C-alpha atoms as a PDB file:
ATOM      1  CA  MET A   1     -13.661  56.832  32.996  1.00  0.00           C
ATOM      2  CA  ASN A   2     -13.967  54.584  29.916  1.00  0.00           C
ATOM      3  CA  HIS A   3     -10.795  52.742  30.874  1.00  0.00           C
ATOM      4  CA  PHE A   4     -12.147  52.206  34.385  1.00  0.00           C
ATOM      5  CA  PHE A   5     -15.448  50.877  33.016  1.00  0.00           C
ATOM      6  CA  ARG A   6     -13.660  48.410  30.707  1.00  0.00           C
ATOM      7  CA  SER A   7     -11.505  47.200  33.604  1.00  0.00           C
ATOM      8  CA  LEU A   8     -14.586  45.931  35.384  1.00  0.00           C
ATOM      9  CA  SER A   9     -15.925  42.454  34.910  1.00  0.00           C
ATOM     10  CA  ALA A  10     -19.046  41.948  32.846  1.00  0.00           C
ATOM     11  CA  HIS A  11     -21.193  41.529  36.011  1.00  0.00           C
ATOM     12  CA  GLN A  12     -19.765  44.684  37.472  1.00  0.00           C
ATOM     13  CA  GLN A  13     -20.323  46.632  34.259  1.00  0.00           C
ATOM     14  CA  VAL A  14     -23.978  45.771  34.148  1.00  0.00           C
ATOM     15  CA  GLY A  15     -24.323  46.590  37.838  1.00  0.00           C
ATOM     16  CA  ALA A  16     -22.661  49.992  37.273  1.00  0.00           C
ATOM     17  CA  LEU A  17     -24.949  50.709  34.330  1.00  0.00           C
ATOM     18  CA  PHE A  18     -28.031  50.067  36.379  1.00  0.00           C
ATOM     19  CA  LEU A  19     -26.619  52.160  39.264  1.00  0.00           C
ATOM     20  CA  MET A  20     -26.193  55.134  36.932  1.00  0.00           C
ATOM     21  CA  VAL A  21     -29.691  54.672  35.437  1.00  0.00           C
ATOM     22  CA  PHE A  22     -31.338  54.532  38.928  1.00  0.00           C
ATOM     23  CA  GLY A  23     -29.332  57.633  39.920  1.00  0.00           C
ATOM     24  CA  LEU A  24     -30.601  59.573  36.880  1.00  0.00           C
ATOM     25  CA  LEU A  25     -34.165  58.466  37.591  1.00  0.00           C
ATOM     26  CA  ALA A  26     -33.867  59.483  41.185  1.00  0.00           C
ATOM     27  CA  LEU A  27     -32.583  62.946  40.109  1.00  0.00           C
ATOM     28  CA  ALA A  28     -35.416  63.333  37.631  1.00  0.00           C
ATOM     29  CA  SER A  29     -37.939  62.378  40.308  1.00  0.00           C
ATOM     30  CA  ILE A  30     -36.508  65.015  42.648  1.00  0.00           C
ATOM     31  CA  VAL A  31     -36.733  67.662  39.937  1.00  0.00           C
ATOM     32  CA  TYR A  32     -40.315  66.601  39.227  1.00  0.00           C
ATOM     33  CA  THR A  33     -41.268  66.826  42.962  1.00  0.00           C
ATOM     34  CA  LEU A  34     -39.759  70.330  43.190  1.00  0.00           C
ATOM     35  CA  LEU A  35     -41.695  71.480  40.047  1.00  0.00           C
ATOM     36  CA  ALA A  36     -44.936  69.973  41.443  1.00  0.00           C
ATOM     37  CA  LEU A  37     -44.494  71.888  44.690  1.00  0.00           C
ATOM     38  CA  ARG A  38     -43.833  75.115  42.940  1.00  0.00           C
ATOM     39  CA  ASP A  39     -46.734  77.599  42.971  1.00  0.00           C
ATOM     40  CA  THR A  40     -46.708  79.857  39.929  1.00  0.00           C
ATOM     41  CA  GLY A  41     -49.680  81.940  41.158  1.00  0.00           C
ATOM     42  CA  GLU A  42     -51.088  82.134  37.623  1.00  0.00           C
ATOM     43  CA  PRO A  43     -54.546  80.471  37.440  1.00  0.00           C
ATOM     44  CA  ALA A  44     -54.705  80.950  33.618  1.00  0.00           C
ATOM     45  CA  THR A  45     -51.773  78.593  33.099  1.00  0.00           C
ATOM     46  CA  ALA A  46     -52.399  76.286  36.069  1.00  0.00           C
ATOM     47  CA  SER A  47     -54.403  73.692  34.167  1.00  0.00           C
ATOM     48  CA  LEU A  48     -51.869  73.430  31.353  1.00  0.00           C
ATOM     49  CA  ARG A  49     -49.034  73.169  33.828  1.00  0.00           C
ATOM     50  CA  GLN A  50     -50.921  70.413  35.810  1.00  0.00           C
ATOM     51  CA  ALA A  51     -51.544  68.493  32.615  1.00  0.00           C
ATOM     52  CA  ARG A  52     -47.866  68.553  31.723  1.00  0.00           C
ATOM     53  CA  LEU A  53     -46.895  67.528  35.277  1.00  0.00           C
ATOM     54  CA  ARG A  54     -49.317  64.603  35.056  1.00  0.00           C
ATOM     55  CA  GLU A  55     -47.828  63.509  31.819  1.00  0.00           C
ATOM     56  CA  ALA A  56     -44.295  63.792  33.243  1.00  0.00           C
ATOM     57  CA  ARG A  57     -45.344  61.716  36.241  1.00  0.00           C
ATOM     58  CA  ARG A  58     -46.784  59.018  33.981  1.00  0.00           C
ATOM     59  CA  LEU A  59     -43.556  58.890  31.981  1.00  0.00           C
ATOM     60  CA  LEU A  60     -41.390  58.771  35.101  1.00  0.00           C
ATOM     61  CA  ARG A  61     -43.508  56.016  36.641  1.00  0.00           C
ATOM     62  CA  THR A  62     -43.413  53.976  33.469  1.00  0.00           C
ATOM     63  CA  THR A  63     -39.613  54.289  33.237  1.00  0.00           C
ATOM     64  CA  TRP A  64     -39.216  53.380  36.912  1.00  0.00           C
ATOM     65  CA  VAL A  65     -41.312  50.227  36.414  1.00  0.00           C
ATOM     66  CA  MET A  66     -39.499  49.123  33.238  1.00  0.00           C
ATOM     67  CA  VAL A  67     -36.019  49.738  34.672  1.00  0.00           C
ATOM     68  CA  SER A  68     -36.896  47.879  37.874  1.00  0.00           C
ATOM     69  CA  VAL A  69     -38.249  44.920  35.933  1.00  0.00           C
ATOM     70  CA  PHE A  70     -35.052  44.811  33.798  1.00  0.00           C
ATOM     71  CA  TRP A  71     -32.909  45.072  36.860  1.00  0.00           C
ATOM     72  CA  LEU A  72     -34.703  42.161  38.533  1.00  0.00           C
ATOM     73  CA  ALA A  73     -34.339  40.145  35.318  1.00  0.00           C
ATOM     74  CA  TRP A  74     -30.594  40.705  35.410  1.00  0.00           C
ATOM     75  CA  VAL A  75     -30.146  40.039  39.121  1.00  0.00           C
ATOM     76  CA  LEU A  76     -32.210  36.844  39.075  1.00  0.00           C
ATOM     77  CA  GLY A  77     -30.609  35.358  35.927  1.00  0.00           C
ATOM     78  CA  GLY A  78     -31.825  34.173  32.583  1.00  0.00           C
ATOM     79  CA  GLY A  79     -34.168  31.397  33.844  1.00  0.00           C
ATOM     80  CA  VAL A  80     -35.891  33.478  36.517  1.00  0.00           C
ATOM     81  CA  ALA A  81     -35.988  36.455  34.160  1.00  0.00           C
ATOM     82  CA  THR A  82     -37.977  34.400  31.709  1.00  0.00           C
ATOM     83  CA  LEU A  83     -40.410  33.464  34.498  1.00  0.00           C
ATOM     84  CA  LEU A  84     -40.702  37.115  35.503  1.00  0.00           C
ATOM     85  CA  PHE A  85     -41.568  38.237  31.958  1.00  0.00           C
ATOM     86  CA  ALA A  86     -44.040  35.342  31.755  1.00  0.00           C
ATOM     87  CA  PHE A  87     -45.904  36.852  34.715  1.00  0.00           C
ATOM     88  CA  VAL A  88     -45.831  40.265  33.035  1.00  0.00           C
ATOM     89  CA  ALA A  89     -47.236  38.673  29.873  1.00  0.00           C
ATOM     90  CA  PHE A  90     -49.936  36.920  31.923  1.00  0.00           C
ATOM     91  CA  PHE A  91     -51.196  40.130  33.538  1.00  0.00           C
ATOM     92  CA  ALA A  92     -50.937  42.036  30.275  1.00  0.00           C
ATOM     93  CA  LEU A  93     -53.027  39.408  28.475  1.00  0.00           C
ATOM     94  CA  ARG A  94     -55.497  39.350  31.359  1.00  0.00           C
ATOM     95  CA  GLU A  95     -55.849  43.132  31.050  1.00  0.00           C
ATOM     96  CA  PHE A  96     -56.320  42.929  27.273  1.00  0.00           C
ATOM     97  CA  VAL A  97     -58.969  40.207  27.544  1.00  0.00           C
ATOM     98  CA  THR A  98     -60.816  42.019  30.340  1.00  0.00           C
ATOM     99  CA  LEU A  99     -61.256  45.119  28.200  1.00  0.00           C
ATOM    100  CA  SER A 100     -62.242  43.037  25.150  1.00  0.00           C
ATOM    101  CA  PRO A 101     -64.707  40.639  26.827  1.00  0.00           C
ATOM    102  CA  PRO A 102     -65.070  37.307  24.939  1.00  0.00           C
ATOM    103  CA  SER A 103     -68.157  35.054  24.835  1.00  0.00           C
ATOM    104  CA  ARG A 104     -68.712  32.673  27.681  1.00  0.00           C
ATOM    105  CA  ARG A 105     -68.364  29.849  25.182  1.00  0.00           C
ATOM    106  CA  ASP A 106     -64.763  30.997  24.598  1.00  0.00           C
ATOM    107  CA  HIS A 107     -63.891  29.602  28.030  1.00  0.00           C
ATOM    108  CA  ARG A 108     -61.869  26.711  26.590  1.00  0.00           C
ATOM    109  CA  SER A 109     -59.947  29.081  24.219  1.00  0.00           C
ATOM    110  CA  LEU A 110     -59.071  31.305  27.203  1.00  0.00           C
ATOM    111  CA  VAL A 111     -57.896  28.331  29.204  1.00  0.00           C
ATOM    112  CA  LEU A 112     -55.759  27.237  26.328  1.00  0.00           C
ATOM    113  CA  ALA A 113     -54.299  30.798  25.908  1.00  0.00           C
ATOM    114  CA  PHE A 114     -53.435  31.332  29.565  1.00  0.00           C
ATOM    115  CA  PHE A 115     -52.465  27.888  30.790  1.00  0.00           C
ATOM    116  CA  VAL A 116     -51.081  26.198  27.705  1.00  0.00           C
ATOM    117  CA  VAL A 117     -49.930  28.689  25.141  1.00  0.00           C
ATOM    118  CA  LEU A 118     -48.332  31.213  27.488  1.00  0.00           C
ATOM    119  CA  PRO A 119     -46.282  28.730  29.579  1.00  0.00           C
ATOM    120  CA  THR A 120     -45.321  26.768  26.462  1.00  0.00           C
ATOM    121  CA  GLN A 121     -44.051  29.866  24.708  1.00  0.00           C
ATOM    122  CA  PHE A 122     -41.851  30.971  27.607  1.00  0.00           C
ATOM    123  CA  TRP A 123     -40.651  27.399  28.177  1.00  0.00           C
ATOM    124  CA  LEU A 124     -39.422  27.342  24.598  1.00  0.00           C
ATOM    125  CA  VAL A 125     -37.662  30.658  25.229  1.00  0.00           C
ATOM    126  CA  TRP A 126     -36.099  29.400  28.470  1.00  0.00           C
ATOM    127  CA  THR A 127     -34.773  26.248  26.772  1.00  0.00           C
ATOM    128  CA  GLY A 128     -33.372  28.293  23.905  1.00  0.00           C
ATOM    129  CA  GLN A 129     -35.495  26.608  21.211  1.00  0.00           C
ATOM    130  CA  PHE A 130     -35.527  29.756  19.024  1.00  0.00           C
ATOM    131  CA  ASP A 131     -36.688  28.033  15.849  1.00  0.00           C
ATOM    132  CA  ARG A 132     -39.704  26.682  17.693  1.00  0.00           C
ATOM    133  CA  PHE A 133     -40.746  29.626  19.806  1.00  0.00           C
ATOM    134  CA  THR A 134     -40.716  31.924  16.781  1.00  0.00           C
ATOM    135  CA  VAL A 135     -43.353  29.825  14.960  1.00  0.00           C
ATOM    136  CA  PHE A 136     -45.304  28.240  17.849  1.00  0.00           C
ATOM    137  CA  ILE A 137     -47.821  31.068  18.170  1.00  0.00           C
ATOM    138  CA  PRO A 138     -48.135  32.550  14.679  1.00  0.00           C
ATOM    139  CA  VAL A 139     -48.481  29.051  13.096  1.00  0.00           C
ATOM    140  CA  TYR A 140     -49.754  26.397  15.498  1.00  0.00           C
ATOM    141  CA  VAL A 141     -51.667  28.502  18.016  1.00  0.00           C
ATOM    142  CA  PHE A 142     -53.299  30.665  15.330  1.00  0.00           C
ATOM    143  CA  LEU A 143     -54.660  27.570  13.671  1.00  0.00           C
ATOM    144  CA  ALA A 144     -55.628  25.770  16.882  1.00  0.00           C
ATOM    145  CA  LEU A 145     -57.575  28.574  18.601  1.00  0.00           C
ATOM    146  CA  PRO A 146     -60.297  28.915  15.915  1.00  0.00           C
ATOM    147  CA  VAL A 147     -60.762  25.124  16.019  1.00  0.00           C
ATOM    148  CA  VAL A 148     -61.267  25.222  19.793  1.00  0.00           C
ATOM    149  CA  SER A 149     -63.684  28.078  19.468  1.00  0.00           C
ATOM    150  CA  ALA A 150     -65.602  26.422  16.631  1.00  0.00           C
ATOM    151  CA  LEU A 151     -66.108  23.271  18.790  1.00  0.00           C
ATOM    152  CA  ALA A 152     -67.951  25.435  21.315  1.00  0.00           C
ATOM    153  CA  ASP A 153     -70.735  25.770  18.698  1.00  0.00           C
ATOM    154  CA  ASP A 154     -71.170  29.519  18.924  1.00  0.00           C
ATOM    155  CA  PRO A 155     -70.952  31.164  15.493  1.00  0.00           C
ATOM    156  CA  GLU A 156     -72.087  34.640  16.690  1.00  0.00           C
ATOM    157  CA  HIS A 157     -69.274  37.128  15.971  1.00  0.00           C
ATOM    158  CA  PHE A 158     -67.013  34.160  15.596  1.00  0.00           C
ATOM    159  CA  LEU A 159     -64.333  35.957  13.459  1.00  0.00           C
ATOM    160  CA  GLU A 160     -64.228  39.025  15.698  1.00  0.00           C
ATOM    161  CA  ARG A 161     -63.977  36.967  18.915  1.00  0.00           C
ATOM    162  CA  THR A 162     -61.256  34.746  17.539  1.00  0.00           C
ATOM    163  CA  ALA A 163     -59.293  37.636  16.141  1.00  0.00           C
ATOM    164  CA  LYS A 164     -59.381  39.524  19.438  1.00  0.00           C
ATOM    165  CA  LEU A 165     -57.881  36.593  21.354  1.00  0.00           C
ATOM    166  CA  GLN A 166     -55.287  35.914  18.686  1.00  0.00           C
ATOM    167  CA  TRP A 167     -54.252  39.513  18.635  1.00  0.00           C
ATOM    168  CA  GLY A 168     -53.988  39.693  22.447  1.00  0.00           C
ATOM    169  CA  ILE A 169     -51.753  36.605  22.466  1.00  0.00           C
ATOM    170  CA  MET A 170     -49.632  38.014  19.685  1.00  0.00           C
ATOM    171  CA  VAL A 171     -48.968  41.353  21.482  1.00  0.00           C
ATOM    172  CA  CYS A 172     -48.951  40.257  25.117  1.00  0.00           C
ATOM    173  CA  VAL A 173     -47.306  36.849  24.893  1.00  0.00           C
ATOM    174  CA  TYR A 174     -45.455  36.525  21.627  1.00  0.00           C
ATOM    175  CA  GLY A 175     -44.053  40.104  21.695  1.00  0.00           C
ATOM    176  CA  LEU A 176     -42.944  40.123  25.331  1.00  0.00           C
ATOM    177  CA  SER A 177     -41.382  36.691  25.136  1.00  0.00           C
ATOM    178  CA  HIS A 178     -38.730  38.121  22.908  1.00  0.00           C
ATOM    179  CA  VAL A 179     -37.356  40.355  25.719  1.00  0.00           C
ATOM    180  CA  PRO A 180     -35.964  37.525  27.879  1.00  0.00           C
ATOM    181  CA  ALA A 181     -34.921  35.755  24.646  1.00  0.00           C
ATOM    182  CA  LEU A 182     -32.338  38.498  24.155  1.00  0.00           C
ATOM    183  CA  LEU A 183     -30.518  37.242  27.271  1.00  0.00           C
ATOM    184  CA  LEU A 184     -29.894  33.901  25.610  1.00  0.00           C
ATOM    185  CA  LEU A 185     -28.351  35.104  22.344  1.00  0.00           C
ATOM    186  CA  GLN A 186     -24.778  33.921  21.809  1.00  0.00           C
ATOM    187  CA  PHE A 187     -22.540  36.346  19.956  1.00  0.00           C
ATOM    188  CA  PRO A 188     -19.053  35.133  19.074  1.00  0.00           C
ATOM    189  CA  GLY A 189     -16.594  36.650  21.485  1.00  0.00           C
ATOM    190  CA  TRP A 190     -19.359  38.132  23.586  1.00  0.00           C
ATOM    191  CA  GLY A 191     -20.324  36.378  26.805  1.00  0.00           C
ATOM    192  CA  THR A 192     -24.031  35.820  27.468  1.00  0.00           C
ATOM    193  CA  GLU A 193     -23.590  37.515  30.818  1.00  0.00           C
ATOM    194  CA  ARG A 194     -23.266  40.750  28.917  1.00  0.00           C
ATOM    195  CA  ASN A 195     -26.648  40.335  27.141  1.00  0.00           C
ATOM    196  CA  ALA A 196     -28.354  42.456  29.828  1.00  0.00           C
ATOM    197  CA  PHE A 197     -26.840  45.327  27.874  1.00  0.00           C
ATOM    198  CA  LEU A 198     -28.971  44.310  24.877  1.00  0.00           C
ATOM    199  CA  VAL A 199     -32.147  44.469  26.960  1.00  0.00           C
ATOM    200  CA  PHE A 200     -31.081  47.869  28.334  1.00  0.00           C
ATOM    201  CA  PHE A 201     -30.219  49.041  24.815  1.00  0.00           C
ATOM    202  CA  LEU A 202     -33.649  48.079  23.497  1.00  0.00           C
ATOM    203  CA  ALA A 203     -35.550  49.695  26.396  1.00  0.00           C
ATOM    204  CA  ALA A 204     -33.454  52.883  26.409  1.00  0.00           C
ATOM    205  CA  VAL A 205     -33.776  53.581  22.680  1.00  0.00           C
ATOM    206  CA  VAL A 206     -37.446  52.812  22.573  1.00  0.00           C
ATOM    207  CA  GLN A 207     -38.280  54.899  25.659  1.00  0.00           C
ATOM    208  CA  THR A 208     -36.075  57.814  24.430  1.00  0.00           C
ATOM    209  CA  GLY A 209     -37.665  57.733  20.991  1.00  0.00           C
ATOM    210  CA  MET A 210     -41.139  57.647  22.507  1.00  0.00           C
ATOM    211  CA  LEU A 211     -40.357  60.515  24.913  1.00  0.00           C
ATOM    212  CA  ALA A 212     -38.821  62.699  22.173  1.00  0.00           C
ATOM    213  CA  GLN A 213     -41.765  61.965  19.848  1.00  0.00           C
ATOM    214  CA  HIS A 214     -44.214  62.923  22.661  1.00  0.00           C
ATOM    215  CA  LEU A 215     -42.389  66.224  23.476  1.00  0.00           C
ATOM    216  CA  ALA A 216     -42.061  67.082  19.795  1.00  0.00           C
ATOM    217  CA  GLY A 217     -45.778  66.425  19.274  1.00  0.00           C
ATOM    218  CA  ARG A 218     -46.584  68.730  22.134  1.00  0.00           C
ATOM    219  CA  TRP A 219     -44.469  71.632  21.030  1.00  0.00           C
ATOM    220  CA  LEU A 220     -44.549  71.356  17.171  1.00  0.00           C
ATOM    221  CA  ARG A 221     -48.040  72.007  15.860  1.00  0.00           C
ATOM    222  CA  ARG A 222     -48.468  69.884  12.748  1.00  0.00           C
ATOM    223  CA  PRO A 223     -51.597  68.256  11.243  1.00  0.00           C
ATOM    224  CA  PRO A 224     -51.901  64.794  12.816  1.00  0.00           C
ATOM    225  CA  VAL A 225     -51.590  61.753  10.476  1.00  0.00           C
ATOM    226  CA  ALA A 226     -54.504  59.917  12.124  1.00  0.00           C
ATOM    227  CA  PRO A 227     -56.429  62.528  14.149  1.00  0.00           C
ATOM    228  CA  ARG A 228     -59.168  60.134  15.313  1.00  0.00           C
ATOM    229  CA  ILE A 229     -56.509  57.868  16.822  1.00  0.00           C
ATOM    230  CA  SER A 230     -53.764  60.202  17.970  1.00  0.00           C
ATOM    231  CA  ARG A 231     -53.816  63.993  17.791  1.00  0.00           C
ATOM    232  CA  SER A 232     -50.085  64.241  18.647  1.00  0.00           C
ATOM    233  CA  PHE A 233     -48.783  61.772  16.072  1.00  0.00           C
ATOM    234  CA  HIS A 234     -47.415  63.431  12.934  1.00  0.00           C
ATOM    235  CA  TRP A 235     -44.385  62.616  10.820  1.00  0.00           C
ATOM    236  CA  THR A 236     -42.358  65.527  12.126  1.00  0.00           C
ATOM    237  CA  SER A 237     -42.601  64.402  15.750  1.00  0.00           C
ATOM    238  CA  TRP A 238     -42.112  60.814  14.635  1.00  0.00           C
ATOM    239  CA  GLY A 239     -38.892  61.885  12.860  1.00  0.00           C
ATOM    240  CA  TRP A 240     -37.620  63.622  16.001  1.00  0.00           C
ATOM    241  CA  GLY A 241     -38.317  60.478  18.038  1.00  0.00           C
ATOM    242  CA  MET A 242     -36.425  58.381  15.476  1.00  0.00           C
ATOM    243  CA  ALA A 243     -33.489  60.793  15.509  1.00  0.00           C
ATOM    244  CA  ALA A 244     -33.292  60.829  19.323  1.00  0.00           C
ATOM    245  CA  GLY A 245     -33.508  57.086  19.649  1.00  0.00           C
ATOM    246  CA  GLY A 246     -31.050  56.482  16.781  1.00  0.00           C
ATOM    247  CA  LEU A 247     -28.579  59.005  18.256  1.00  0.00           C
ATOM    248  CA  LEU A 248     -28.784  57.326  21.644  1.00  0.00           C
ATOM    249  CA  GLY A 249     -28.295  53.899  20.036  1.00  0.00           C
ATOM    250  CA  GLY A 250     -25.159  55.076  18.272  1.00  0.00           C
ATOM    251  CA  LEU A 251     -23.761  56.468  21.513  1.00  0.00           C
ATOM    252  CA  LEU A 252     -24.482  53.161  23.320  1.00  0.00           C
ATOM    253  CA  ALA A 253     -22.615  51.084  20.735  1.00  0.00           C
ATOM    254  CA  GLY A 254     -19.758  50.530  23.180  1.00  0.00           C
ATOM    255  CA  ILE A 255     -21.881  48.489  25.601  1.00  0.00           C
ATOM    256  CA  THR A 256     -23.194  46.214  22.811  1.00  0.00           C
ATOM    257  CA  PRO A 257     -21.675  43.745  20.409  1.00  0.00           C
ATOM    258  CA  PHE A 258     -22.584  46.226  17.546  1.00  0.00           C
ATOM    259  CA  LYS A 259     -20.391  48.627  15.707  1.00  0.00           C
ATOM    260  CA  PRO A 260     -21.609  52.280  15.771  1.00  0.00           C
ATOM    261  CA  GLY A 261     -23.332  51.984  12.377  1.00  0.00           C
ATOM    262  CA  GLN A 262     -24.979  48.689  13.373  1.00  0.00           C
ATOM    263  CA  ALA A 263     -26.093  50.139  16.738  1.00  0.00           C
ATOM    264  CA  LEU A 264     -27.650  53.126  14.896  1.00  0.00           C
ATOM    265  CA  ALA A 265     -29.489  50.837  12.504  1.00  0.00           C
ATOM    266  CA  MET A 266     -30.766  48.550  15.254  1.00  0.00           C
ATOM    267  CA  ALA A 267     -31.912  51.538  17.288  1.00  0.00           C
ATOM    268  CA  LEU A 268     -33.820  52.965  14.368  1.00  0.00           C
ATOM    269  CA  ILE A 269     -35.473  49.576  13.776  1.00  0.00           C
ATOM    270  CA  ALA A 270     -36.491  49.277  17.435  1.00  0.00           C
ATOM    271  CA  CYS A 271     -37.792  52.851  17.574  1.00  0.00           C
ATOM    272  CA  ALA A 272     -39.788  52.577  14.379  1.00  0.00           C
ATOM    273  CA  SER A 273     -41.488  49.326  15.352  1.00  0.00           C
ATOM    274  CA  GLY A 274     -42.120  50.494  18.924  1.00  0.00           C
ATOM    275  CA  SER A 275     -43.600  53.867  18.019  1.00  0.00           C
ATOM    276  CA  LEU A 276     -45.828  52.471  15.240  1.00  0.00           C
ATOM    277  CA  GLY A 277     -46.914  49.629  17.542  1.00  0.00           C
ATOM    278  CA  HIS A 278     -47.853  52.214  20.146  1.00  0.00           C
ATOM    279  CA  LEU A 279     -50.030  53.913  17.532  1.00  0.00           C
ATOM    280  CA  VAL A 280     -51.716  50.580  16.758  1.00  0.00           C
ATOM    281  CA  MET A 281     -52.514  50.020  20.456  1.00  0.00           C
ATOM    282  CA  LYS A 282     -53.938  53.491  20.585  1.00  0.00           C
ATOM    283  CA  ALA A 283     -56.286  52.547  17.769  1.00  0.00           C
ATOM    284  CA  ILE A 284     -57.417  49.623  19.839  1.00  0.00           C
ATOM    285  CA  LYS A 285     -58.090  51.777  22.843  1.00  0.00           C
ATOM    286  CA  ARG A 286     -60.151  54.153  20.773  1.00  0.00           C
ATOM    287  CA  ASP A 287     -62.157  51.200  19.453  1.00  0.00           C
ATOM    288  CA  ARG A 288     -62.757  50.095  23.050  1.00  0.00           C
ATOM    289  CA  GLY A 289     -63.656  53.688  24.006  1.00  0.00           C
ATOM    290  CA  ILE A 290     -61.027  54.064  26.692  1.00  0.00           C
ATOM    291  CA  PRO A 291     -58.227  56.654  27.081  1.00  0.00           C
ATOM    292  CA  SER A 292     -55.797  54.245  28.678  1.00  0.00           C
ATOM    293  CA  TRP A 293     -55.678  50.498  29.542  1.00  0.00           C
ATOM    294  CA  GLY A 294     -55.970  51.285  33.258  1.00  0.00           C
ATOM    295  CA  SER A 295     -58.628  54.009  33.040  1.00  0.00           C
ATOM    296  CA  GLN A 296     -61.603  54.374  35.289  1.00  0.00           C
ATOM    297  CA  GLY A 297     -60.222  51.780  37.724  1.00  0.00           C
ATOM    298  CA  ARG A 298     -60.759  48.976  35.205  1.00  0.00           C
ATOM    299  CA  SER A 299     -57.162  47.712  35.288  1.00  0.00           C
ATOM    300  CA  VAL A 300     -57.070  44.196  36.606  1.00  0.00           C
ATOM    301  CA  THR A 301     -53.371  44.267  37.277  1.00  0.00           C
ATOM    302  CA  GLY A 302     -53.220  46.996  39.869  1.00  0.00           C
ATOM    303  CA  ALA A 303     -50.585  48.727  37.741  1.00  0.00           C
ATOM    304  CA  SER A 304     -52.788  51.480  36.302  1.00  0.00           C
ATOM    305  CA  GLY A 305     -52.620  49.999  32.802  1.00  0.00           C
ATOM    306  CA  LEU A 306     -49.772  47.561  32.366  1.00  0.00           C
ATOM    307  CA  LEU A 307     -50.312  47.572  28.600  1.00  0.00           C
ATOM    308  CA  ASP A 308     -49.693  51.284  28.533  1.00  0.00           C
ATOM    309  CA  ARG A 309     -46.211  50.560  29.814  1.00  0.00           C
ATOM    310  CA  VAL A 310     -45.219  47.674  27.605  1.00  0.00           C
ATOM    311  CA  ASP A 311     -47.138  48.181  24.343  1.00  0.00           C
ATOM    312  CA  ALA A 312     -44.222  49.782  22.433  1.00  0.00           C
ATOM    313  CA  LEU A 313     -41.776  47.207  23.831  1.00  0.00           C
ATOM    314  CA  SER A 314     -44.120  44.390  22.767  1.00  0.00           C
ATOM    315  CA  PHE A 315     -43.857  45.475  19.140  1.00  0.00           C
ATOM    316  CA  ALA A 316     -40.169  46.455  19.211  1.00  0.00           C
ATOM    317  CA  ALA A 317     -38.803  43.308  20.909  1.00  0.00           C
ATOM    318  CA  PRO A 318     -39.579  40.669  18.219  1.00  0.00           C
ATOM    319  CA  VAL A 319     -38.473  42.936  15.369  1.00  0.00           C
ATOM    320  CA  PHE A 320     -35.261  43.836  17.213  1.00  0.00           C
ATOM    321  CA  PHE A 321     -34.604  40.197  18.197  1.00  0.00           C
ATOM    322  CA  HIS A 322     -35.006  38.809  14.730  1.00  0.00           C
ATOM    323  CA  SER A 323     -33.166  41.677  13.121  1.00  0.00           C
ATOM    324  CA  ILE A 324     -30.143  40.807  15.343  1.00  0.00           C
ATOM    325  CA  ARG A 325     -30.410  37.061  14.468  1.00  0.00           C
ATOM    326  CA  TRP A 326     -30.622  37.598  10.713  1.00  0.00           C
ATOM    327  CA  THR A 327     -27.911  40.355  10.666  1.00  0.00           C
ATOM    328  CA  PHE A 328     -25.373  38.356  12.713  1.00  0.00           C
ATOM    329  CA  GLY A 329     -26.386  34.842  11.629  1.00  0.00           C
ATOM    330  CA  LEU A 330     -27.078  33.691  15.141  1.00  0.00           C
ATOM    331  CA  HIS A 331     -28.730  30.280  15.699  1.00  0.00           C
END
């Protein structure tokens, strides 16, 4: 099987990989449907069972959406993939801003964020200007936004309003822009047409780590680290998530330009940054008083909370990207 896989072209290898992933997701969906139709006849445990089924449905739906987006990114090519993720970032930022309403006098800052900062950031990615796109937002935009807001002559809650918009841009635009940037990395002896494996590697280890952490948090009763933010997050469950994501990363070393030890290290870096970033986004939701970004029909994207699907990836992608560049000396 391994010999057959290696005999395929790079394009065929990526296609075969996505075919296997979609097959596994279809199988998991069938199993979920059968479990949902099953009637246990035990009212005492019905509510717990329904809660677990709802959680499984949410995880399945999230995985389907992410895999479909990555598949489209690969099919359409690097340029169109960058445009696709720009749209994802646009709707994610819109969702974030909607649930953190700014002042009316921040209108110019919002226009700057959506129609100047976002397209410029993804244009820099598309053109491969890595040294510029990595500093454009955290340096130039972070300094320009407060100036634009100050010119609106509204000092009320100025620091809070400015920080909200800056944070939304950092997570929704800067973080997500590093996903299509992975498709443009040039490893010696590794064609860029194989970089779809890097995107798959990142998404797979982060999702696996989050799933393992969630299941461990459900089954292993430990005192939570931050109970007012997440009752399921404790270091034991976090360790299980790291172990699961790291193990998968080591097993997937063959489809990446990494050696097994390097793949393990990169997977651990991605899992750690993604899971801790997810905790940070939970803290923001608690501050806003909502259980999820798409709760109570307040999602503006129609995706029942787009940020709930991409928050871990938004934190993991830039850390993963720059860890690769620094480790392998890519320019």
